[in-house]
Amino acid sequence: MATTPLELHPPLPAGEYAQRRRQFMAALGAGTAILTSAPHAYLHGDVEAGYHQDGNLFYLTGLNEPSAVAVFAPHHAEHQFVLFVLPKDLEKEVWTGYRVGPEAAPELYGCDAAFPLEELDKKLPEYVEGAAQIYYHPSRDERINEKVFRLWRKMLNLRQRKGYGPTVLADVNPFLYPLRMVKSPVELERIRQAVAIAVKAHIHAQATTQPGMFEYEIQAAMEAIFRQQGGAPAYPSIVASGANACILHYGDNTRQTQDGDLVLIDAGCGWGCYNSDITRTFAVNGRMTSPQKLIYDLVLKAQLAAIDRVKPGVPYDEIHKTALRVLVVGLIDLGLLTGDADEIVNEKDEKQQKYRPYYMHRTGHWLGLDVHDAGIYYQGKDEATLLAPGQVFTIEPGLYIGPHTQPLEGQPAIPAEFRGIGVRIEDDILVTETGCEVLTAAVPK
């Protein structure tokens, strides 16, 4: 018997989605918001990759189908929440799987009305004409974008001819991101399950990896654990041995590990549409060389300092600044940088940041429905978002001294023994009422 998307991705309680919609529409006021599903991604040609729904649409509806549009019109007399979905087509469903169809959508997803997607052009003006503004974020599906932009132009003409209709088309994300940033207890249950599976896989990798194994063997063993537990890779797993660890988004995973290598594993699990994201770096043979340990210990020190800084009310960018300062001071102590630590840390011009050849990314990101989850990092120029209970994010400092890394002019030459060392350590962090919980603490580091 074929499974439906609801069986594959068990929805959160209906009340959870209803509460989210109430909060969202209260913020919209007299506006109309239009959200679209994610389009299919393709591996090659017409071969589809696994489908992943747009986070905003899923957050408010639980719908996990492509080719769908959700409309939120709190000002409308009858239909405040409307879905446009593909109609039932049993012949096509034999090929592409179950469709909910407009007839069943109200019962399954709590919408006030549902229509076939082909009626979007005809029906959408009804939910927009009485709005003060239209809220939308451009889709990856240009066909839907054109429909929305065409509607907006129509509303401009309506305002000119009849004196009513919205004239402003604005981004919907500022209404959704504050909601998505704070996880509910039910969301945290999903994240904890995604974490638990990934923790098991990382512990297995550390216990079984030996010199001579290929990177893809390590990857396969970890992802088998994901699948056995009902999960899937949250993103393409990185298993980077030797100098490959100096490539941030390395993905080939084809090299044979050598005795004396470090291996950097950045692999997370997705479960129930929520994600984990863990990175560990360890010696393939269980024994780090002295240069490897110096770099590893410095990264670990930076990460622990950043974690220790987490509590409600702390500006988000303080986490990055804390880790960065530890790294800079350590690199000076190791003779890889020279200069005043404060000046180096506070340099705004990326081209003049002396640490940048070794550390070129931020220290973390929000985590949830998306691996790089929806969220606001700054409330305005140089005004960082304050941490609050229920937020989940990663802390992942690293150092990368590749075979071809070049220090900035005037900085020390890189000793040969440090070449080819890449280290990153990443944990998933939950902000609590008094501090934080390291959700991924069970993975040794």
Protein backbone atom coordinates (compact mmCIF):
# COMPACT_ATOMS: atom_id res chain seq x y z
CA MET A 1 0.00 0.00 0.00
CA ALA A 2 1.39 3.39 -0.95
CA THR A 3 2.18 5.73 1.91
CA THR A 4 1.03 9.32 2.00
CA PRO A 5 3.19 12.33 2.87
CA LEU A 6 1.37 12.46 6.21
CA GLU A 7 2.58 8.95 7.05
CA LEU A 8 6.13 9.63 5.93
CA HIS A 9 6.30 12.91 7.82
CA PRO A 10 3.93 12.66 10.79
CA PRO A 11 2.52 16.13 11.37
CA LEU A 12 2.73 18.06 14.56
CA PRO A 13 -0.55 18.35 16.48
CA ALA A 14 -3.15 20.35 14.57
CA GLY A 15 -3.35 22.81 17.45
CA GLU A 16 0.32 23.64 17.02
CA TYR A 17 -0.20 24.76 13.43
CA ALA A 18 -3.39 26.63 14.34
CA GLN A 19 -1.58 28.55 17.08
CA ARG A 20 1.20 29.49 14.66
CA ARG A 21 -1.31 30.74 12.13
CA ARG A 22 -3.09 32.82 14.76
CA GLN A 23 0.17 34.48 15.76
CA PHE A 24 1.17 35.02 12.16
CA MET A 25 -2.14 36.53 11.07
CA ALA A 26 -2.31 38.75 14.13
CA ALA A 27 1.01 40.22 13.02
CA LEU A 28 -0.19 40.60 9.41
CA GLY A 29 -3.10 42.79 10.42
CA ALA A 30 -4.88 43.94 7.27
CA GLY A 31 -2.29 42.43 4.93
CA THR A 32 -2.48 39.32 2.76
CA ALA A 33 0.44 36.89 2.77
CA ILE A 34 1.22 34.47 -0.03
CA LEU A 35 3.50 31.49 0.65
CA THR A 36 4.63 28.95 -1.93
CA SER A 37 5.90 25.40 -1.77
CA ALA A 38 9.45 24.55 -2.73
CA PRO A 39 9.91 23.33 -6.30
CA HIS A 40 11.39 19.94 -7.03
CA ALA A 41 15.17 19.67 -7.04
CA TYR A 42 16.83 17.48 -9.64
CA LEU A 43 19.90 15.27 -9.47
CA HIS A 44 20.30 15.30 -13.25
CA GLY A 45 18.03 15.51 -16.26
CA ASP A 46 14.50 14.66 -15.15
CA VAL A 47 15.61 12.56 -12.15
CA GLU A 48 14.25 14.19 -9.02
CA ALA A 49 16.10 14.43 -5.72
CA GLY A 50 14.26 13.87 -2.47
CA TYR A 51 11.66 16.55 -1.86
CA HIS A 52 12.12 19.11 0.93
CA GLN A 53 9.28 21.52 1.59
CA ASP A 54 9.75 25.27 1.98
CA GLY A 55 10.24 25.88 5.68
CA ASN A 56 7.79 28.78 5.95
CA LEU A 57 4.95 26.91 4.25
CA PHE A 58 5.54 23.79 6.31
CA TYR A 59 5.78 25.79 9.53
CA LEU A 60 2.29 27.23 9.08
CA THR A 61 0.51 24.31 7.39
CA GLY A 62 2.31 20.97 7.72
CA LEU A 63 1.71 20.43 4.01
CA ASN A 64 4.56 18.48 2.42
CA GLU A 65 3.57 18.58 -1.25
CA PRO A 66 5.11 20.52 -4.14
CA SER A 67 3.08 22.79 -6.41
CA ALA A 68 1.08 24.39 -3.59
CA VAL A 69 0.29 27.95 -2.51
CA ALA A 70 -1.02 29.08 0.88
CA VAL A 71 -2.83 32.40 1.24
CA PHE A 72 -3.41 34.12 4.57
CA ALA A 73 -6.00 36.91 4.53
CA PRO A 74 -7.05 37.80 8.10
CA HIS A 75 -9.25 40.61 6.77
CA HIS A 76 -11.36 38.28 4.59
CA ALA A 77 -14.92 37.68 5.83
CA GLU A 78 -14.96 33.89 5.25
CA HIS A 79 -11.57 32.50 4.26
CA GLN A 80 -8.61 33.61 6.32
CA PHE A 81 -6.49 30.57 5.39
CA VAL A 82 -6.71 29.16 1.87
CA LEU A 83 -4.73 26.43 0.12
CA PHE A 84 -4.21 25.94 -3.60
CA VAL A 85 -3.03 22.40 -4.35
CA LEU A 86 -2.80 20.01 -7.26
CA PRO A 87 -6.09 18.21 -7.93
CA LYS A 88 -6.43 14.50 -7.34
CA ASP A 89 -5.26 12.51 -10.37
CA LEU A 90 -5.04 8.78 -9.73
CA GLU A 91 -3.19 8.13 -12.99
CA LYS A 92 -0.45 10.66 -12.16
CA GLU A 93 -0.33 9.55 -8.53
CA VAL A 94 0.72 6.10 -9.74
CA TRP A 95 3.89 7.79 -11.01
CA THR A 96 4.54 10.59 -8.53
CA GLY A 97 2.74 9.61 -5.34
CA TYR A 98 -0.19 10.70 -3.21
CA ARG A 99 -1.83 14.10 -3.59
CA VAL A 100 -4.07 15.47 -0.88
CA GLY A 101 -6.33 17.31 -3.36
CA PRO A 102 -8.54 20.31 -2.58
CA GLU A 103 -11.41 18.16 -1.29
CA ALA A 104 -9.47 16.66 1.63
CA ALA A 105 -7.21 19.64 2.38
CA PRO A 106 -9.58 21.51 4.75
CA GLU A 107 -9.96 18.50 7.04
CA LEU A 108 -6.28 17.53 6.96
CA TYR A 109 -4.72 20.99 7.19
CA GLY A 110 -7.37 23.17 8.80
CA CYS A 111 -7.77 25.63 5.93
CA ASP A 112 -11.03 27.52 5.44
CA ALA A 113 -11.11 26.69 1.75
CA ALA A 114 -9.00 24.84 -0.81
CA PHE A 115 -8.92 25.09 -4.58
CA PRO A 116 -7.05 23.47 -7.47
CA LEU A 117 -3.77 25.23 -8.19
CA GLU A 118 -4.94 26.00 -11.72
CA GLU A 119 -7.53 28.39 -10.22
CA LEU A 120 -4.91 30.54 -8.50
CA ASP A 121 -5.05 33.37 -11.04
CA LYS A 122 -8.84 33.49 -10.86
CA LYS A 123 -9.25 33.21 -7.08
CA LEU A 124 -6.26 35.09 -5.70
CA PRO A 125 -7.56 38.64 -6.38
CA GLU A 126 -10.49 37.96 -4.03
CA TYR A 127 -8.08 37.59 -1.11
CA VAL A 128 -5.87 40.51 -2.08
CA GLU A 129 -8.21 43.31 -3.16
CA GLY A 130 -9.26 44.18 0.40
CA ALA A 131 -5.75 44.03 1.82
CA ALA A 132 -3.61 46.95 2.89
CA GLN A 133 -0.40 45.24 1.70
CA ILE A 134 0.71 42.07 -0.05
CA TYR A 135 3.43 40.07 1.73
CA TYR A 136 5.50 37.62 -0.26
CA HIS A 137 9.02 36.27 -0.53
CA PRO A 138 10.24 35.37 -4.03
CA SER A 139 9.98 31.66 -4.73
CA ARG A 140 12.53 29.50 -6.49
CA ASP A 141 9.67 28.79 -8.89
CA GLU A 142 9.70 31.71 -11.32
CA ARG A 143 6.24 30.80 -12.62
CA ILE A 144 4.71 31.54 -9.21
CA ASN A 145 6.77 34.71 -8.89
CA GLU A 146 5.39 35.97 -12.17
CA LYS A 147 1.82 35.24 -11.06
CA VAL A 148 2.32 37.28 -7.86
CA PHE A 149 4.04 40.17 -9.64
CA ARG A 150 1.33 40.21 -12.29
CA LEU A 151 -1.30 40.34 -9.54
CA TRP A 152 0.51 43.22 -7.86
CA ARG A 153 0.56 45.18 -11.11
CA LYS A 154 -3.16 44.49 -11.42
CA MET A 155 -3.71 45.87 -7.91
CA LEU A 156 -1.78 49.03 -8.80
CA ASN A 157 -4.11 49.55 -11.73
CA LEU A 158 -7.11 48.85 -9.50
CA ARG A 159 -5.98 51.53 -7.05
CA GLN A 160 -5.53 54.02 -9.89
CA ARG A 161 -8.92 53.30 -11.46
CA LYS A 162 -11.16 52.64 -8.44
CA GLY A 163 -9.28 54.02 -5.45
CA TYR A 164 -8.79 50.80 -3.49
CA GLY A 165 -6.45 47.82 -3.45
CA PRO A 166 -2.96 47.25 -2.04
CA THR A 167 -0.06 49.11 -3.59
CA VAL A 168 2.74 47.73 -1.40
CA LEU A 169 4.42 44.38 -2.06
CA ALA A 170 6.70 43.60 0.90
CA ASP A 171 8.76 40.72 2.27
CA VAL A 172 6.82 38.22 4.41
CA ASN A 173 9.88 36.84 6.21
CA PRO A 174 10.04 39.52 8.95
CA PHE A 175 6.66 38.24 10.17
CA LEU A 176 7.71 34.58 10.18
CA TYR A 177 11.31 34.61 11.32
CA PRO A 178 10.63 35.80 14.89
CA LEU A 179 8.09 32.98 15.27
CA ARG A 180 10.36 30.29 13.84
CA MET A 181 13.34 31.35 15.93
CA VAL A 182 11.75 30.21 19.21
CA LYS A 183 11.02 26.49 19.21
CA SER A 184 7.95 25.04 20.90
CA PRO A 185 8.19 21.96 23.16
CA VAL A 186 6.91 19.79 20.31
CA GLU A 187 9.54 21.16 17.93
CA LEU A 188 12.25 20.53 20.50
CA GLU A 189 11.14 16.90 20.72
CA ARG A 190 11.72 16.57 16.97
CA ILE A 191 15.10 18.26 17.16
CA ARG A 192 16.15 16.05 20.08
CA GLN A 193 15.28 12.95 18.07
CA ALA A 194 17.26 14.22 15.06
CA VAL A 195 20.15 14.92 17.44
CA ALA A 196 19.94 11.50 19.11
CA ILE A 197 20.24 9.69 15.79
CA ALA A 198 23.18 11.83 14.65
CA VAL A 199 24.91 11.37 18.01
CA LYS A 200 24.67 7.60 17.61
CA ALA A 201 26.17 7.82 14.12
CA HIS A 202 29.06 10.06 15.19
CA ILE A 203 29.93 7.84 18.15
CA HIS A 204 29.92 4.84 15.81
CA ALA A 205 32.23 6.63 13.37
CA GLN A 206 34.73 7.53 16.07
CA ALA A 207 34.73 3.97 17.40
CA THR A 208 35.16 2.19 14.07
CA THR A 209 37.24 4.46 11.81
CA GLN A 210 40.70 3.06 11.07
CA PRO A 211 43.56 4.03 8.75
CA GLY A 212 42.96 2.73 5.25
CA MET A 213 39.21 3.21 5.27
CA PHE A 214 37.79 5.32 2.50
CA GLU A 215 35.89 8.46 3.41
CA TYR A 216 32.79 7.08 1.71
CA GLU A 217 32.88 3.98 3.92
CA ILE A 218 32.64 6.17 7.01
CA GLN A 219 29.87 8.18 5.37
CA ALA A 220 27.93 5.04 4.42
CA ALA A 221 28.07 3.61 7.94
CA MET A 222 26.82 6.86 9.45
CA GLU A 223 24.03 7.38 6.96
CA ALA A 224 22.92 3.77 7.40
CA ILE A 225 22.29 4.61 11.05
CA PHE A 226 20.28 7.66 9.98
CA ARG A 227 18.12 5.50 7.73
CA GLN A 228 17.75 2.66 10.22
CA GLN A 229 16.32 5.13 12.73
CA GLY A 230 13.81 6.60 10.27
CA GLY A 231 15.89 9.65 9.44
CA ALA A 232 17.92 10.88 6.50
CA PRO A 233 20.99 13.06 5.95
CA ALA A 234 20.08 16.64 6.83
CA TYR A 235 22.57 17.83 4.19
CA PRO A 236 25.35 16.21 2.12
CA SER A 237 27.62 14.60 4.69
CA ILE A 238 31.22 15.81 4.80
CA VAL A 239 33.87 13.20 5.62
CA ALA A 240 37.15 15.03 5.02
CA SER A 241 40.45 13.36 5.85
CA GLY A 242 43.88 14.94 5.75
CA ALA A 243 44.06 18.22 3.86
CA ASN A 244 40.49 17.72 2.61
CA ALA A 245 39.41 19.04 6.02
CA CYS A 246 40.63 22.47 4.89
CA ILE A 247 37.86 22.58 2.25
CA LEU A 248 34.78 23.95 4.03
CA HIS A 249 32.18 22.29 1.81
CA TYR A 250 34.18 19.27 0.74
CA GLY A 251 31.82 16.65 -0.58
CA ASP A 252 33.69 14.13 -2.72
CA ASN A 253 34.31 11.75 0.21
CA THR A 254 36.50 9.54 -2.00
CA ARG A 255 39.96 9.68 -0.41
CA GLN A 256 41.49 6.73 1.42
CA THR A 257 42.44 7.74 4.95
CA GLN A 258 46.08 7.46 5.95
CA ASP A 259 47.78 6.69 9.23
CA GLY A 260 48.41 10.05 10.91
CA ASP A 261 45.42 11.81 9.33
CA LEU A 262 42.81 13.83 11.07
CA VAL A 263 39.28 13.29 9.76
CA LEU A 264 36.65 16.01 9.97
CA ILE A 265 33.08 14.72 9.89
CA ASP A 266 30.27 17.23 9.43
CA ALA A 267 27.09 15.16 9.32
CA GLY A 268 23.59 15.78 10.62
CA CYS A 269 20.33 13.89 10.58
CA GLY A 270 16.90 15.06 9.52
CA TRP A 271 13.96 13.48 11.30
CA GLY A 272 10.30 14.49 11.21
CA CYS A 273 11.31 17.51 9.09
CA TYR A 274 13.65 18.88 11.80
CA ASN A 275 17.43 18.70 11.74
CA SER A 276 20.64 18.24 13.66
CA ASP A 277 24.10 19.46 12.62
CA ILE A 278 27.24 18.02 14.24
CA THR A 279 30.94 18.27 13.40
CA ARG A 280 33.77 16.40 15.05
CA THR A 281 37.46 16.13 14.16
CA PHE A 282 39.56 13.23 15.39
CA ALA A 283 42.70 11.27 14.59
CA VAL A 284 42.13 8.26 12.35
CA ASN A 285 44.61 6.21 14.37
CA GLY A 286 43.47 7.63 17.71
CA ARG A 287 46.66 9.65 18.31
CA MET A 288 47.09 13.28 17.27
CA THR A 289 50.49 14.63 16.39
CA SER A 290 51.74 17.59 18.41
CA PRO A 291 50.87 20.18 15.71
CA GLN A 292 47.44 18.60 15.21
CA LYS A 293 46.75 18.70 18.94
CA LEU A 294 47.82 22.34 19.22
CA ILE A 295 45.33 23.37 16.55
CA TYR A 296 42.60 21.07 17.85
CA ASP A 297 42.94 22.25 21.44
CA LEU A 298 42.77 25.88 20.31
CA VAL A 299 39.54 25.29 18.39
CA LEU A 300 38.06 23.38 21.32
CA LYS A 301 39.03 26.17 23.71
CA ALA A 302 37.30 28.70 21.44
CA GLN A 303 34.17 26.60 21.22
CA LEU A 304 33.92 26.02 24.97
CA ALA A 305 34.39 29.75 25.61
CA ALA A 306 31.61 30.56 23.15
CA ILE A 307 29.27 27.98 24.69
CA ASP A 308 29.97 29.40 28.14
CA ARG A 309 28.79 32.80 26.89
CA VAL A 310 25.31 31.59 25.92
CA LYS A 311 22.40 32.81 28.03
CA PRO A 312 19.26 34.90 27.50
CA GLY A 313 19.91 38.55 26.75
CA VAL A 314 23.37 38.08 25.25
CA PRO A 315 23.72 39.58 21.75
CA TYR A 316 24.02 36.81 19.18
CA ASP A 317 27.23 38.17 17.67
CA GLU A 318 28.95 37.94 21.07
CA ILE A 319 29.15 34.19 20.50
CA HIS A 320 31.20 34.71 17.35
CA LYS A 321 33.32 37.45 18.89
CA THR A 322 34.12 35.28 21.91
CA ALA A 323 35.26 32.35 19.80
CA LEU A 324 37.15 34.63 17.41
CA ARG A 325 39.11 36.31 20.18
CA VAL A 326 40.24 32.96 21.60
CA LEU A 327 41.33 31.84 18.14
CA VAL A 328 43.24 35.06 17.45
CA VAL A 329 45.07 35.02 20.79
CA GLY A 330 45.92 31.37 20.23
CA LEU A 331 47.21 31.97 16.71
CA ILE A 332 49.42 34.76 18.05
CA ASP A 333 50.74 32.40 20.72
CA LEU A 334 51.47 29.77 18.06
CA GLY A 335 53.38 32.29 15.96
CA LEU A 336 50.88 32.17 13.09
CA LEU A 337 49.75 35.78 13.62
CA THR A 338 51.41 38.93 14.87
CA GLY A 339 49.81 42.14 16.11
CA ASP A 340 47.44 43.39 18.77
CA ALA A 341 44.65 40.86 19.43
CA ASP A 342 41.94 43.50 19.89
CA GLU A 343 42.86 45.29 16.67
CA ILE A 344 42.90 42.01 14.76
CA VAL A 345 39.52 40.90 16.15
CA ASN A 346 37.85 44.27 15.51
CA GLU A 347 39.08 44.77 11.92
CA LYS A 348 35.99 45.34 9.73
CA ASP A 349 37.63 45.16 6.30
CA GLU A 350 37.60 41.48 5.33
CA LYS A 351 40.64 41.95 3.10
CA GLN A 352 42.61 43.20 6.12
CA GLN A 353 41.46 40.56 8.62
CA LYS A 354 44.71 38.82 9.52
CA TYR A 355 42.93 35.71 10.81
CA ARG A 356 40.85 35.24 7.67
CA PRO A 357 43.25 32.90 5.83
CA TYR A 358 42.71 30.46 8.72
CA TYR A 359 39.13 31.22 9.81
CA MET A 360 36.80 32.56 7.16
CA HIS A 361 33.27 31.76 8.37
CA ARG A 362 30.95 32.76 11.17
CA THR A 363 30.69 30.67 14.31
CA GLY A 364 27.16 29.32 13.88
CA HIS A 365 23.64 29.53 12.52
CA TRP A 366 20.04 28.97 13.58
CA LEU A 367 18.83 25.36 13.38
CA GLY A 368 15.39 23.82 12.98
CA LEU A 369 13.16 23.01 10.01
CA ASP A 370 16.05 24.12 7.82
CA VAL A 371 19.67 23.35 8.64
CA HIS A 372 20.47 27.02 8.11
CA ASP A 373 17.17 27.90 9.70
CA ALA A 374 15.02 30.99 9.39
CA GLY A 375 16.04 33.68 11.81
CA ILE A 376 17.22 37.22 12.26
CA TYR A 377 20.86 37.81 13.20
CA TYR A 378 20.69 41.60 13.37
CA GLN A 379 17.76 43.89 14.25
CA GLY A 380 19.47 46.80 12.53
CA LYS A 381 22.94 47.90 11.56
CA ASP A 382 25.33 46.64 14.25
CA GLU A 383 22.42 45.72 16.57
CA ALA A 384 22.59 41.97 17.07
CA THR A 385 19.57 39.85 17.98
CA LEU A 386 19.44 39.01 21.68
CA LEU A 387 19.43 35.36 22.67
CA ALA A 388 16.16 34.09 24.16
CA PRO A 389 14.92 30.81 25.66
CA GLY A 390 13.82 28.30 23.03
CA GLN A 391 16.27 29.36 20.35
CA VAL A 392 18.43 26.61 18.84
CA PHE A 393 21.66 27.32 16.98
CA THR A 394 25.07 25.85 16.27
CA ILE A 395 28.46 26.85 17.60
CA GLU A 396 31.17 25.70 15.19
CA PRO A 397 34.54 27.47 15.23
CA GLY A 398 37.34 26.05 13.12
CA LEU A 399 40.85 26.56 11.80
CA TYR A 400 41.95 25.59 8.30
CA ILE A 401 45.62 25.63 7.32
CA GLY A 402 45.58 24.21 3.83
CA PRO A 403 48.51 23.19 1.65
CA HIS A 404 48.13 26.44 -0.30
CA THR A 405 46.96 28.80 2.46
CA GLN A 406 48.75 32.13 2.24
CA PRO A 407 49.03 34.48 5.24
CA LEU A 408 48.37 38.16 4.69
CA GLU A 409 51.32 40.34 3.76
CA GLY A 410 53.49 41.03 6.78
CA GLN A 411 52.25 38.00 8.71
CA PRO A 412 54.47 35.04 9.67
CA ALA A 413 55.16 32.23 7.23
CA ILE A 414 53.31 29.01 8.00
CA PRO A 415 55.54 26.26 9.45
CA ALA A 416 55.40 23.08 7.37
CA GLU A 417 54.16 20.98 10.29
CA PHE A 418 50.88 22.94 10.38
CA ARG A 419 50.15 22.54 6.67
CA GLY A 420 47.18 20.32 5.84
CA ILE A 421 45.51 20.58 9.24
CA GLY A 422 41.79 21.39 9.28
CA VAL A 423 39.72 21.31 12.47
CA ARG A 424 36.09 22.21 13.13
CA ILE A 425 34.01 21.33 16.19
CA GLU A 426 30.26 21.90 16.08
CA ASP A 427 27.50 21.42 18.63
CA ASP A 428 23.78 22.18 18.66
CA ILE A 429 22.82 24.59 21.44
CA LEU A 430 19.43 25.24 23.08
CA VAL A 431 19.06 28.52 24.95
CA THR A 432 17.39 27.87 28.32
CA GLU A 433 15.94 30.21 30.94
CA THR A 434 19.27 30.44 32.77
CA GLY A 435 21.92 29.49 30.23
CA CYS A 436 22.07 26.77 27.62
CA GLU A 437 21.90 23.04 26.98
CA VAL A 438 24.40 21.42 24.63
CA LEU A 439 22.07 19.02 22.85
CA THR A 440 24.94 17.15 21.17
CA ALA A 441 27.19 16.85 24.24
CA ALA A 442 27.18 13.04 24.13
CA VAL A 443 29.54 12.99 21.13
CA PRO A 444 33.13 12.91 22.44
CA LYS A 445 35.38 15.81 21.56
